[in-house]
Every structure is written in C-alpha cells, then in structure tokens.
Amino acid sequence: MRAIFVGCLLLVFASANSHAQDQGEFDSGFDWLSLSEAQALAEEDGKKILLFGYAEWCTYCLKMRKETYPDSTVLSSLSQYYHPVQVDAESEEEINYNGRTMKSYELARFLRITSFPTHFFIDSDGTILGAQPGFIEPYVFSPLLNYVGTGAFQTMGFEEYFEIEDDEEGGE
C-alpha cells in the first residue's frame, strides 16, 4: 500500500514538474527571441523589445500565453512594433543585456521584478521605457502595445490613448 502511495505521489510531482518545464516552450503563435538577438534586431530596425518576465510556476503567466498572446490584435501589435523576449526570472540561464552577461534571475533582480508576469518595454538602444505587472486581457494589452510601440506614451496618458483607440475601432 505504501509503495502505491509513493508511486502516486511521484506521478503528481512529475506531472507538476513537466507542466512547469513546458511553460517557456508553450506556443503562443510567435517565436520568442533571446534578449541579445532582440537587441541586435532592434538596433537595425528601430523596433522596441517586449520582455516577458515569468516564472515556471506562475498560472497567470500561462494564462497570458494561452489567452492573451494568441489573440489576433495582440499578434498584430507585437509583429508591428516589437521583438518579443521571455525571461524565466528564476532561471540560471545566462542572458546578455546591454553587453552585460548575467543569470536570468540576476536580470530579474536588476529589473526589480516582484510579481509575475511582468512586461518590460525596452527601446532599440536598450533603455527601459516602463513595465506593466500582472495578467492583461487582450482588449487592454493590444492597445498598450500600440501605445508604447507608436511612441504615444511620450505625449499622452494611456487612458486618453485607450479612449481614442477605442473610438477609432467603433467602441463606446
């Protein structure tokens, strides 16, 4: 009886662990780049970088991958304005940011990630423009991507931009 219990317990841990290992490879409808690849491309084409800070155990991170990222308006905004990067904030993976090599968890500390998920908006020369923590529904995320991607954040607040974009799309 004890062997059956231990076997079941191992299965539970194995399935939980395999779920955690798969999150970074979940197909959200686009390819993630390394931060150094994204920075090189951004330097060439002037697009911004969207850095998705996540943790393998984070259910809201997985929800972003399943519900928000695959949305057609989000995909369109991403492809138009960004090079997407994902960083496991608890990983030992080496990452290069602005010519400095560090572990992913060290980058997370440097960025002061305190909750998951957190999205960072980075310009083409590697400067952090801002961050947005938490799960974001597609109807808010796409306008947010456009707001930062177009540079509108430099001249107006997000609420004003959101209203303008909503009016242009025929919203109320």
N, C-alpha and C. Protein backbone atom coordinates (compact mmCIF):
# COMPACT_ATOMS: atom_id res chain seq x y z
N MET A 1 0.83 -1.20 0.00
CA MET A 1 0.00 0.00 0.00
C MET A 1 0.87 1.27 0.00
N ARG A 2 1.92 1.22 0.81
CA ARG A 2 2.83 2.37 0.90
C ARG A 2 3.51 2.63 -0.45
N ALA A 3 3.87 1.57 -1.17
CA ALA A 3 4.51 1.70 -2.49
C ALA A 3 3.56 2.35 -3.48
N ILE A 4 2.27 2.01 -3.41
CA ILE A 4 1.30 2.63 -4.31
C ILE A 4 1.18 4.12 -4.01
N PHE A 5 1.13 4.47 -2.70
CA PHE A 5 1.03 5.87 -2.31
C PHE A 5 2.25 6.66 -2.79
N VAL A 6 3.44 6.10 -2.58
CA VAL A 6 4.68 6.77 -3.02
C VAL A 6 4.69 6.90 -4.54
N GLY A 7 4.26 5.86 -5.24
CA GLY A 7 4.19 5.91 -6.70
C GLY A 7 3.25 7.00 -7.18
N CYS A 8 2.08 7.10 -6.57
CA CYS A 8 1.12 8.15 -6.94
C CYS A 8 1.68 9.53 -6.65
N LEU A 9 2.34 9.65 -5.50
CA LEU A 9 2.93 10.93 -5.14
C LEU A 9 4.00 11.34 -6.16
N LEU A 10 4.81 10.39 -6.59
CA LEU A 10 5.83 10.68 -7.60
C LEU A 10 5.19 11.10 -8.92
N LEU A 11 4.08 10.47 -9.30
CA LEU A 11 3.38 10.86 -10.52
C LEU A 11 2.86 12.29 -10.44
N VAL A 12 2.33 12.66 -9.29
CA VAL A 12 1.83 14.02 -9.10
C VAL A 12 2.97 15.02 -9.24
N PHE A 13 4.09 14.75 -8.58
CA PHE A 13 5.23 15.65 -8.68
C PHE A 13 5.80 15.69 -10.09
N ALA A 14 5.85 14.56 -10.76
CA ALA A 14 6.38 14.51 -12.13
C ALA A 14 5.49 15.30 -13.08
N SER A 15 4.18 15.16 -12.94
CA SER A 15 3.30 15.90 -13.85
C SER A 15 3.35 17.39 -13.56
N ALA A 16 3.45 17.77 -12.29
CA ALA A 16 3.57 19.19 -11.96
C ALA A 16 4.87 19.75 -12.49
N ASN A 17 5.94 18.97 -12.38
CA ASN A 17 7.24 19.42 -12.85
C ASN A 17 7.26 19.50 -14.37
N SER A 18 6.63 18.56 -15.07
CA SER A 18 6.64 18.61 -16.53
C SER A 18 5.83 19.81 -17.02
N HIS A 19 4.75 20.16 -16.30
CA HIS A 19 3.97 21.35 -16.65
C HIS A 19 4.86 22.59 -16.53
N ALA A 20 5.63 22.66 -15.44
CA ALA A 20 6.48 23.83 -15.22
C ALA A 20 7.56 23.92 -16.30
N GLN A 21 8.12 22.79 -16.69
CA GLN A 21 9.19 22.81 -17.68
C GLN A 21 8.68 23.22 -19.06
N ASP A 22 7.40 23.00 -19.32
CA ASP A 22 6.87 23.26 -20.65
C ASP A 22 6.44 24.71 -20.86
N GLN A 23 6.27 25.50 -19.81
CA GLN A 23 5.71 26.83 -19.99
C GLN A 23 6.54 27.70 -20.93
N GLY A 24 7.84 27.70 -20.79
CA GLY A 24 8.69 28.51 -21.65
C GLY A 24 8.66 28.11 -23.10
N GLU A 25 8.16 26.90 -23.38
CA GLU A 25 8.09 26.41 -24.76
C GLU A 25 6.66 26.41 -25.30
N PHE A 26 5.72 26.93 -24.54
CA PHE A 26 4.33 26.97 -24.97
C PHE A 26 4.21 27.82 -26.23
N ASP A 27 3.48 27.33 -27.22
CA ASP A 27 3.32 28.04 -28.49
C ASP A 27 2.19 29.06 -28.39
N SER A 28 2.56 30.32 -28.34
CA SER A 28 1.58 31.41 -28.27
C SER A 28 1.32 32.03 -29.63
N GLY A 29 1.88 31.46 -30.68
CA GLY A 29 1.63 31.96 -32.02
C GLY A 29 2.77 32.76 -32.63
N PHE A 30 3.89 32.83 -31.95
CA PHE A 30 5.06 33.55 -32.47
C PHE A 30 6.31 32.97 -31.82
N ASP A 31 7.46 33.35 -32.36
CA ASP A 31 8.73 32.86 -31.81
C ASP A 31 9.32 33.88 -30.86
N TRP A 32 9.78 33.39 -29.73
CA TRP A 32 10.49 34.23 -28.77
C TRP A 32 11.96 34.31 -29.20
N LEU A 33 12.57 35.45 -28.97
CA LEU A 33 13.99 35.64 -29.27
C LEU A 33 14.78 35.70 -27.97
N SER A 34 16.07 35.49 -28.06
CA SER A 34 16.91 35.76 -26.90
C SER A 34 17.03 37.28 -26.79
N LEU A 35 17.37 37.75 -25.62
CA LEU A 35 17.48 39.20 -25.43
C LEU A 35 18.57 39.78 -26.31
N SER A 36 19.68 39.08 -26.47
CA SER A 36 20.76 39.61 -27.32
C SER A 36 20.33 39.64 -28.78
N GLU A 37 19.59 38.62 -29.24
CA GLU A 37 19.07 38.63 -30.62
C GLU A 37 18.12 39.81 -30.83
N ALA A 38 17.22 39.99 -29.87
CA ALA A 38 16.23 41.07 -29.96
C ALA A 38 16.92 42.43 -29.97
N GLN A 39 17.94 42.59 -29.15
CA GLN A 39 18.64 43.87 -29.12
C GLN A 39 19.36 44.14 -30.43
N ALA A 40 19.95 43.12 -31.02
CA ALA A 40 20.64 43.30 -32.30
C ALA A 40 19.63 43.68 -33.39
N LEU A 41 18.49 42.99 -33.43
CA LEU A 41 17.47 43.31 -34.43
C LEU A 41 16.89 44.71 -34.20
N ALA A 42 16.64 45.05 -32.95
CA ALA A 42 16.07 46.37 -32.62
C ALA A 42 17.02 47.49 -33.01
N GLU A 43 18.30 47.23 -32.87
CA GLU A 43 19.30 48.22 -33.28
C GLU A 43 19.22 48.47 -34.79
N GLU A 44 18.94 47.41 -35.54
CA GLU A 44 18.85 47.51 -37.00
C GLU A 44 17.55 48.16 -37.48
N ASP A 45 16.43 47.75 -36.89
CA ASP A 45 15.14 48.19 -37.44
C ASP A 45 14.38 49.20 -36.57
N GLY A 46 14.89 49.50 -35.39
CA GLY A 46 14.25 50.53 -34.55
C GLY A 46 13.04 50.06 -33.77
N LYS A 47 12.67 48.78 -33.91
CA LYS A 47 11.54 48.27 -33.12
C LYS A 47 11.92 48.22 -31.64
N LYS A 48 10.91 48.15 -30.83
CA LYS A 48 11.13 48.03 -29.39
C LYS A 48 11.18 46.55 -29.02
N ILE A 49 11.56 46.29 -27.79
CA ILE A 49 11.62 44.93 -27.26
C ILE A 49 10.55 44.81 -26.19
N LEU A 50 9.79 43.73 -26.27
CA LEU A 50 8.86 43.40 -25.21
C LEU A 50 9.47 42.23 -24.46
N LEU A 51 9.79 42.46 -23.20
CA LEU A 51 10.37 41.42 -22.36
C LEU A 51 9.30 40.91 -21.41
N PHE A 52 9.00 39.63 -21.50
CA PHE A 52 8.00 38.96 -20.67
C PHE A 52 8.73 38.26 -19.54
N GLY A 53 8.68 38.82 -18.34
CA GLY A 53 9.28 38.21 -17.17
C GLY A 53 8.28 37.26 -16.54
N TYR A 54 8.65 35.99 -16.45
CA TYR A 54 7.72 34.98 -15.95
C TYR A 54 8.43 34.03 -15.00
N ALA A 55 7.63 33.21 -14.34
CA ALA A 55 8.15 32.11 -13.52
C ALA A 55 7.41 30.85 -13.96
N GLU A 56 8.09 29.74 -13.94
CA GLU A 56 7.51 28.49 -14.42
C GLU A 56 6.24 28.10 -13.66
N TRP A 57 6.15 28.42 -12.39
CA TRP A 57 5.01 28.03 -11.57
C TRP A 57 3.83 28.99 -11.70
N CYS A 58 4.00 30.08 -12.40
CA CYS A 58 3.02 31.17 -12.44
C CYS A 58 1.83 30.83 -13.34
N THR A 59 0.65 30.68 -12.74
CA THR A 59 -0.54 30.36 -13.52
C THR A 59 -0.99 31.54 -14.39
N TYR A 60 -0.78 32.78 -13.93
CA TYR A 60 -1.17 33.93 -14.74
C TYR A 60 -0.23 34.12 -15.93
N CYS A 61 1.01 33.68 -15.80
CA CYS A 61 1.93 33.70 -16.94
C CYS A 61 1.44 32.75 -18.02
N LEU A 62 1.03 31.55 -17.59
CA LEU A 62 0.49 30.57 -18.53
C LEU A 62 -0.80 31.09 -19.16
N LYS A 63 -1.61 31.76 -18.37
CA LYS A 63 -2.85 32.34 -18.88
C LYS A 63 -2.55 33.39 -19.96
N MET A 64 -1.50 34.20 -19.76
CA MET A 64 -1.08 35.16 -20.80
C MET A 64 -0.74 34.42 -22.08
N ARG A 65 0.00 33.32 -21.95
CA ARG A 65 0.42 32.53 -23.11
C ARG A 65 -0.77 31.91 -23.85
N LYS A 66 -1.77 31.47 -23.10
CA LYS A 66 -2.91 30.77 -23.70
C LYS A 66 -4.00 31.71 -24.20
N GLU A 67 -4.23 32.82 -23.49
CA GLU A 67 -5.38 33.66 -23.80
C GLU A 67 -5.03 35.01 -24.44
N THR A 68 -3.97 35.62 -23.99
CA THR A 68 -3.67 36.97 -24.46
C THR A 68 -2.76 36.98 -25.67
N TYR A 69 -1.62 36.33 -25.58
CA TYR A 69 -0.67 36.37 -26.70
C TYR A 69 -1.24 35.85 -28.02
N PRO A 70 -2.04 34.77 -28.04
CA PRO A 70 -2.55 34.27 -29.32
C PRO A 70 -3.64 35.14 -29.96
N ASP A 71 -4.16 36.12 -29.24
CA ASP A 71 -5.19 37.00 -29.79
C ASP A 71 -4.67 37.71 -31.05
N SER A 72 -5.49 37.77 -32.10
CA SER A 72 -5.03 38.32 -33.38
C SER A 72 -4.60 39.79 -33.27
N THR A 73 -5.27 40.59 -32.45
CA THR A 73 -4.87 42.00 -32.32
C THR A 73 -3.54 42.13 -31.58
N VAL A 74 -3.33 41.26 -30.61
CA VAL A 74 -2.05 41.25 -29.88
C VAL A 74 -0.93 40.81 -30.81
N LEU A 75 -1.16 39.75 -31.56
CA LEU A 75 -0.15 39.27 -32.50
C LEU A 75 0.21 40.34 -33.52
N SER A 76 -0.79 41.06 -34.00
CA SER A 76 -0.54 42.13 -34.97
C SER A 76 0.30 43.24 -34.35
N SER A 77 -0.04 43.66 -33.15
CA SER A 77 0.71 44.72 -32.46
C SER A 77 2.14 44.28 -32.18
N LEU A 78 2.29 43.03 -31.73
CA LEU A 78 3.63 42.50 -31.46
C LEU A 78 4.49 42.52 -32.71
N SER A 79 3.96 41.99 -33.81
CA SER A 79 4.78 41.90 -35.03
C SER A 79 5.11 43.27 -35.61
N GLN A 80 4.21 44.23 -35.41
CA GLN A 80 4.45 45.56 -35.97
C GLN A 80 5.49 46.36 -35.19
N TYR A 81 5.49 46.24 -33.87
CA TYR A 81 6.30 47.14 -33.05
C TYR A 81 7.40 46.50 -32.21
N TYR A 82 7.42 45.17 -32.08
CA TYR A 82 8.30 44.57 -31.06
C TYR A 82 9.06 43.35 -31.54
N HIS A 83 10.12 43.09 -30.79
CA HIS A 83 10.83 41.83 -30.82
C HIS A 83 10.57 41.21 -29.44
N PRO A 84 9.82 40.10 -29.38
CA PRO A 84 9.44 39.53 -28.09
C PRO A 84 10.53 38.64 -27.47
N VAL A 85 10.70 38.81 -26.16
CA VAL A 85 11.69 38.06 -25.39
C VAL A 85 11.00 37.55 -24.14
N GLN A 86 11.30 36.32 -23.76
CA GLN A 86 10.80 35.80 -22.49
C GLN A 86 11.99 35.48 -21.59
N VAL A 87 11.84 35.81 -20.31
CA VAL A 87 12.90 35.55 -19.35
C VAL A 87 12.29 34.88 -18.13
N ASP A 88 12.75 33.66 -17.85
CA ASP A 88 12.35 32.97 -16.63
C ASP A 88 13.12 33.62 -15.49
N ALA A 89 12.42 34.36 -14.67
CA ALA A 89 13.05 35.17 -13.63
C ALA A 89 13.70 34.36 -12.52
N GLU A 90 13.56 33.05 -12.56
CA GLU A 90 14.16 32.21 -11.53
C GLU A 90 15.19 31.24 -12.11
N SER A 91 15.54 31.45 -13.37
CA SER A 91 16.42 30.53 -14.08
C SER A 91 17.89 30.89 -13.90
N GLU A 92 18.71 29.88 -14.10
CA GLU A 92 20.17 30.05 -14.09
C GLU A 92 20.71 30.33 -15.49
N GLU A 93 19.81 30.36 -16.48
CA GLU A 93 20.23 30.58 -17.86
C GLU A 93 20.98 31.91 -17.98
N GLU A 94 22.08 31.88 -18.73
CA GLU A 94 22.83 33.11 -18.94
C GLU A 94 22.14 33.95 -20.01
N ILE A 95 22.13 35.23 -19.77
CA ILE A 95 21.43 36.16 -20.66
C ILE A 95 22.32 37.39 -20.81
N ASN A 96 22.26 38.00 -21.99
CA ASN A 96 23.06 39.19 -22.24
C ASN A 96 22.13 40.38 -22.41
N TYR A 97 22.33 41.40 -21.58
CA TYR A 97 21.53 42.62 -21.67
C TYR A 97 22.48 43.81 -21.71
N ASN A 98 22.39 44.57 -22.78
CA ASN A 98 23.25 45.75 -22.97
C ASN A 98 24.74 45.42 -22.81
N GLY A 99 25.13 44.26 -23.36
CA GLY A 99 26.54 43.87 -23.35
C GLY A 99 27.00 43.23 -22.06
N ARG A 100 26.13 43.09 -21.09
CA ARG A 100 26.50 42.51 -19.80
C ARG A 100 25.86 41.13 -19.67
N THR A 101 26.67 40.11 -19.38
CA THR A 101 26.17 38.76 -19.21
C THR A 101 25.87 38.49 -17.74
N MET A 102 24.68 37.92 -17.51
CA MET A 102 24.26 37.57 -16.15
C MET A 102 23.29 36.42 -16.22
N LYS A 103 22.99 35.84 -15.08
CA LYS A 103 21.96 34.80 -14.99
C LYS A 103 20.60 35.47 -15.11
N SER A 104 19.60 34.71 -15.57
CA SER A 104 18.25 35.26 -15.71
C SER A 104 17.72 35.81 -14.39
N TYR A 105 17.96 35.08 -13.30
CA TYR A 105 17.47 35.56 -12.00
C TYR A 105 18.19 36.86 -11.59
N GLU A 106 19.42 37.05 -12.03
CA GLU A 106 20.13 38.30 -11.73
C GLU A 106 19.53 39.46 -12.52
N LEU A 107 19.16 39.20 -13.78
CA LEU A 107 18.48 40.21 -14.58
C LEU A 107 17.15 40.57 -13.93
N ALA A 108 16.43 39.57 -13.45
CA ALA A 108 15.14 39.81 -12.78
C ALA A 108 15.34 40.70 -11.55
N ARG A 109 16.40 40.45 -10.81
CA ARG A 109 16.70 41.30 -9.65
C ARG A 109 17.05 42.71 -10.10
N PHE A 110 17.86 42.82 -11.15
CA PHE A 110 18.25 44.12 -11.69
C PHE A 110 17.01 44.91 -12.14
N LEU A 111 16.05 44.20 -12.77
CA LEU A 111 14.82 44.84 -13.24
C LEU A 111 13.80 45.05 -12.12
N ARG A 112 14.09 44.47 -10.97
CA ARG A 112 13.20 44.56 -9.80
C ARG A 112 11.83 43.92 -10.05
N ILE A 113 11.87 42.76 -10.67
CA ILE A 113 10.63 42.02 -10.87
C ILE A 113 10.18 41.49 -9.51
N THR A 114 9.00 41.92 -9.08
CA THR A 114 8.48 41.49 -7.79
C THR A 114 7.19 40.69 -7.91
N SER A 115 6.61 40.64 -9.10
CA SER A 115 5.40 39.84 -9.32
C SER A 115 5.43 39.30 -10.75
N PHE A 116 4.63 38.26 -10.95
CA PHE A 116 4.59 37.60 -12.25
C PHE A 116 3.18 37.56 -12.79
N PRO A 117 3.04 37.71 -14.09
CA PRO A 117 4.08 38.13 -15.03
C PRO A 117 4.34 39.63 -14.92
N THR A 118 5.46 40.07 -15.45
CA THR A 118 5.74 41.49 -15.62
C THR A 118 6.29 41.69 -17.02
N HIS A 119 5.73 42.66 -17.72
CA HIS A 119 6.17 43.00 -19.08
C HIS A 119 7.02 44.27 -19.02
N PHE A 120 8.16 44.23 -19.68
CA PHE A 120 9.03 45.40 -19.77
C PHE A 120 9.06 45.86 -21.22
N PHE A 121 8.99 47.15 -21.39
CA PHE A 121 9.09 47.78 -22.70
C PHE A 121 10.46 48.42 -22.78
N ILE A 122 11.24 48.00 -23.78
CA ILE A 122 12.64 48.43 -23.91
C ILE A 122 12.81 49.02 -25.29
N ASP A 123 13.45 50.19 -25.38
CA ASP A 123 13.63 50.79 -26.71
C ASP A 123 14.80 50.16 -27.44
N SER A 124 15.01 50.60 -28.67
CA SER A 124 16.00 49.97 -29.53
C SER A 124 17.43 50.14 -29.07
N ASP A 125 17.69 51.06 -28.15
CA ASP A 125 19.05 51.17 -27.63
C ASP A 125 19.20 50.56 -26.24
N GLY A 126 18.19 49.79 -25.80
CA GLY A 126 18.31 49.04 -24.55
C GLY A 126 17.82 49.76 -23.31
N THR A 127 17.22 50.92 -23.47
CA THR A 127 16.70 51.68 -22.33
C THR A 127 15.30 51.18 -21.97
N ILE A 128 15.08 50.95 -20.69
CA ILE A 128 13.77 50.51 -20.23
C ILE A 128 12.83 51.71 -20.23
N LEU A 129 11.73 51.57 -20.98
CA LEU A 129 10.73 52.64 -21.09
C LEU A 129 9.69 52.54 -19.99
N GLY A 130 9.43 51.33 -19.53
CA GLY A 130 8.43 51.12 -18.49
C GLY A 130 8.15 49.66 -18.31
N ALA A 131 7.32 49.38 -17.31
CA ALA A 131 6.95 48.00 -17.01
C ALA A 131 5.48 47.94 -16.62
N GLN A 132 4.87 46.80 -16.88
CA GLN A 132 3.48 46.57 -16.51
C GLN A 132 3.37 45.18 -15.90
N PRO A 133 3.11 45.10 -14.60
CA PRO A 133 2.96 43.79 -13.97
C PRO A 133 1.54 43.25 -14.12
N GLY A 134 1.42 41.94 -13.99
CA GLY A 134 0.12 41.29 -13.92
C GLY A 134 -0.40 40.75 -15.24
N PHE A 135 -1.44 39.94 -15.10
CA PHE A 135 -2.14 39.41 -16.27
C PHE A 135 -2.89 40.55 -16.95
N ILE A 136 -2.86 40.59 -18.29
CA ILE A 136 -3.52 41.65 -19.04
C ILE A 136 -4.39 41.01 -20.12
N GLU A 137 -5.66 41.36 -20.11
CA GLU A 137 -6.60 40.85 -21.13
C GLU A 137 -6.20 41.40 -22.50
N PRO A 138 -6.49 40.66 -23.58
CA PRO A 138 -6.12 41.11 -24.92
C PRO A 138 -6.68 42.49 -25.29
N TYR A 139 -7.91 42.79 -24.86
CA TYR A 139 -8.52 44.08 -25.24
C TYR A 139 -7.80 45.27 -24.60
N VAL A 140 -6.99 45.03 -23.57
CA VAL A 140 -6.17 46.08 -22.98
C VAL A 140 -4.72 45.97 -23.46
N PHE A 141 -4.24 44.73 -23.61
CA PHE A 141 -2.84 44.51 -23.96
C PHE A 141 -2.49 45.04 -25.34
N SER A 142 -3.35 44.78 -26.32
CA SER A 142 -3.07 45.26 -27.67
C SER A 142 -2.96 46.79 -27.73
N PRO A 143 -3.91 47.53 -27.15
CA PRO A 143 -3.74 48.99 -27.12
C PRO A 143 -2.50 49.43 -26.34
N LEU A 144 -2.16 48.71 -25.27
CA LEU A 144 -0.95 49.04 -24.52
C LEU A 144 0.29 48.86 -25.39
N LEU A 145 0.33 47.75 -26.14
CA LEU A 145 1.45 47.52 -27.05
C LEU A 145 1.54 48.63 -28.10
N ASN A 146 0.39 49.03 -28.63
CA ASN A 146 0.36 50.11 -29.63
C ASN A 146 0.76 51.45 -29.01
N TYR A 147 0.29 51.70 -27.81
CA TYR A 147 0.58 52.94 -27.08
C TYR A 147 2.09 53.14 -26.93
N VAL A 148 2.76 52.10 -26.49
CA VAL A 148 4.22 52.19 -26.34
C VAL A 148 4.90 52.09 -27.70
N GLY A 149 4.44 51.17 -28.53
CA GLY A 149 5.06 50.94 -29.84
C GLY A 149 5.07 52.15 -30.74
N THR A 150 3.99 52.93 -30.72
CA THR A 150 3.92 54.13 -31.57
C THR A 150 4.60 55.34 -30.97
N GLY A 151 4.94 55.24 -29.69
CA GLY A 151 5.55 56.40 -29.00
C GLY A 151 4.52 57.35 -28.42
N ALA A 152 3.24 56.98 -28.48
CA ALA A 152 2.18 57.85 -27.94
C ALA A 152 2.36 58.11 -26.45
N PHE A 153 3.06 57.21 -25.76
CA PHE A 153 3.28 57.39 -24.32
C PHE A 153 4.06 58.68 -24.01
N GLN A 154 4.73 59.22 -25.01
CA GLN A 154 5.52 60.43 -24.81
C GLN A 154 4.65 61.70 -24.82
N THR A 155 3.43 61.59 -25.35
CA THR A 155 2.60 62.80 -25.49
C THR A 155 1.26 62.73 -24.78
N MET A 156 0.84 61.53 -24.32
CA MET A 156 -0.45 61.43 -23.64
C MET A 156 -0.48 60.25 -22.69
N GLY A 157 -1.42 60.26 -21.78
CA GLY A 157 -1.61 59.16 -20.85
C GLY A 157 -2.29 57.98 -21.53
N PHE A 158 -2.17 56.81 -20.92
CA PHE A 158 -2.74 55.61 -21.52
C PHE A 158 -4.26 55.67 -21.57
N GLU A 159 -4.90 56.19 -20.55
CA GLU A 159 -6.37 56.26 -20.55
C GLU A 159 -6.87 57.08 -21.73
N GLU A 160 -6.23 58.22 -21.99
CA GLU A 160 -6.61 59.05 -23.14
C GLU A 160 -6.39 58.28 -24.45
N TYR A 161 -5.24 57.63 -24.57
CA TYR A 161 -4.93 56.85 -25.77
C TYR A 161 -5.95 55.72 -25.95
N PHE A 162 -6.26 55.04 -24.86
CA PHE A 162 -7.19 53.92 -24.89
C PHE A 162 -8.57 54.38 -25.39
N GLU A 163 -9.02 55.53 -24.92
CA GLU A 163 -10.30 56.08 -25.38
C GLU A 163 -10.26 56.42 -26.86
N ILE A 164 -9.18 57.03 -27.30
CA ILE A 164 -9.04 57.39 -28.72
C ILE A 164 -9.04 56.13 -29.58
N GLU A 165 -8.25 55.14 -29.19
CA GLU A 165 -8.17 53.90 -29.97
C GLU A 165 -9.52 53.17 -29.96
N ASP A 166 -10.19 53.17 -28.82
CA ASP A 166 -11.50 52.53 -28.72
C ASP A 166 -12.51 53.23 -29.64
N ASP A 167 -12.48 54.56 -29.69
CA ASP A 167 -13.37 55.31 -30.57
C ASP A 167 -13.11 54.99 -32.05
N GLU A 168 -11.80 54.88 -32.39
CA GLU A 168 -11.43 54.59 -33.78
C GLU A 168 -11.87 53.19 -34.21
N GLU A 169 -11.96 52.27 -33.24
CA GLU A 169 -12.37 50.90 -33.55
C GLU A 169 -13.89 50.73 -33.45
N GLY A 170 -14.60 51.82 -33.16
CA GLY A 170 -16.05 51.75 -33.10
C GLY A 170 -16.59 51.35 -31.76
N GLY A 171 -15.75 51.42 -30.72
CA GLY A 171 -16.20 51.09 -29.36
C GLY A 171 -17.01 52.24 -28.80
N GLU A 172 -17.46 52.03 -27.56
CA GLU A 172 -18.27 53.08 -26.93
C GLU A 172 -17.43 53.92 -26.01
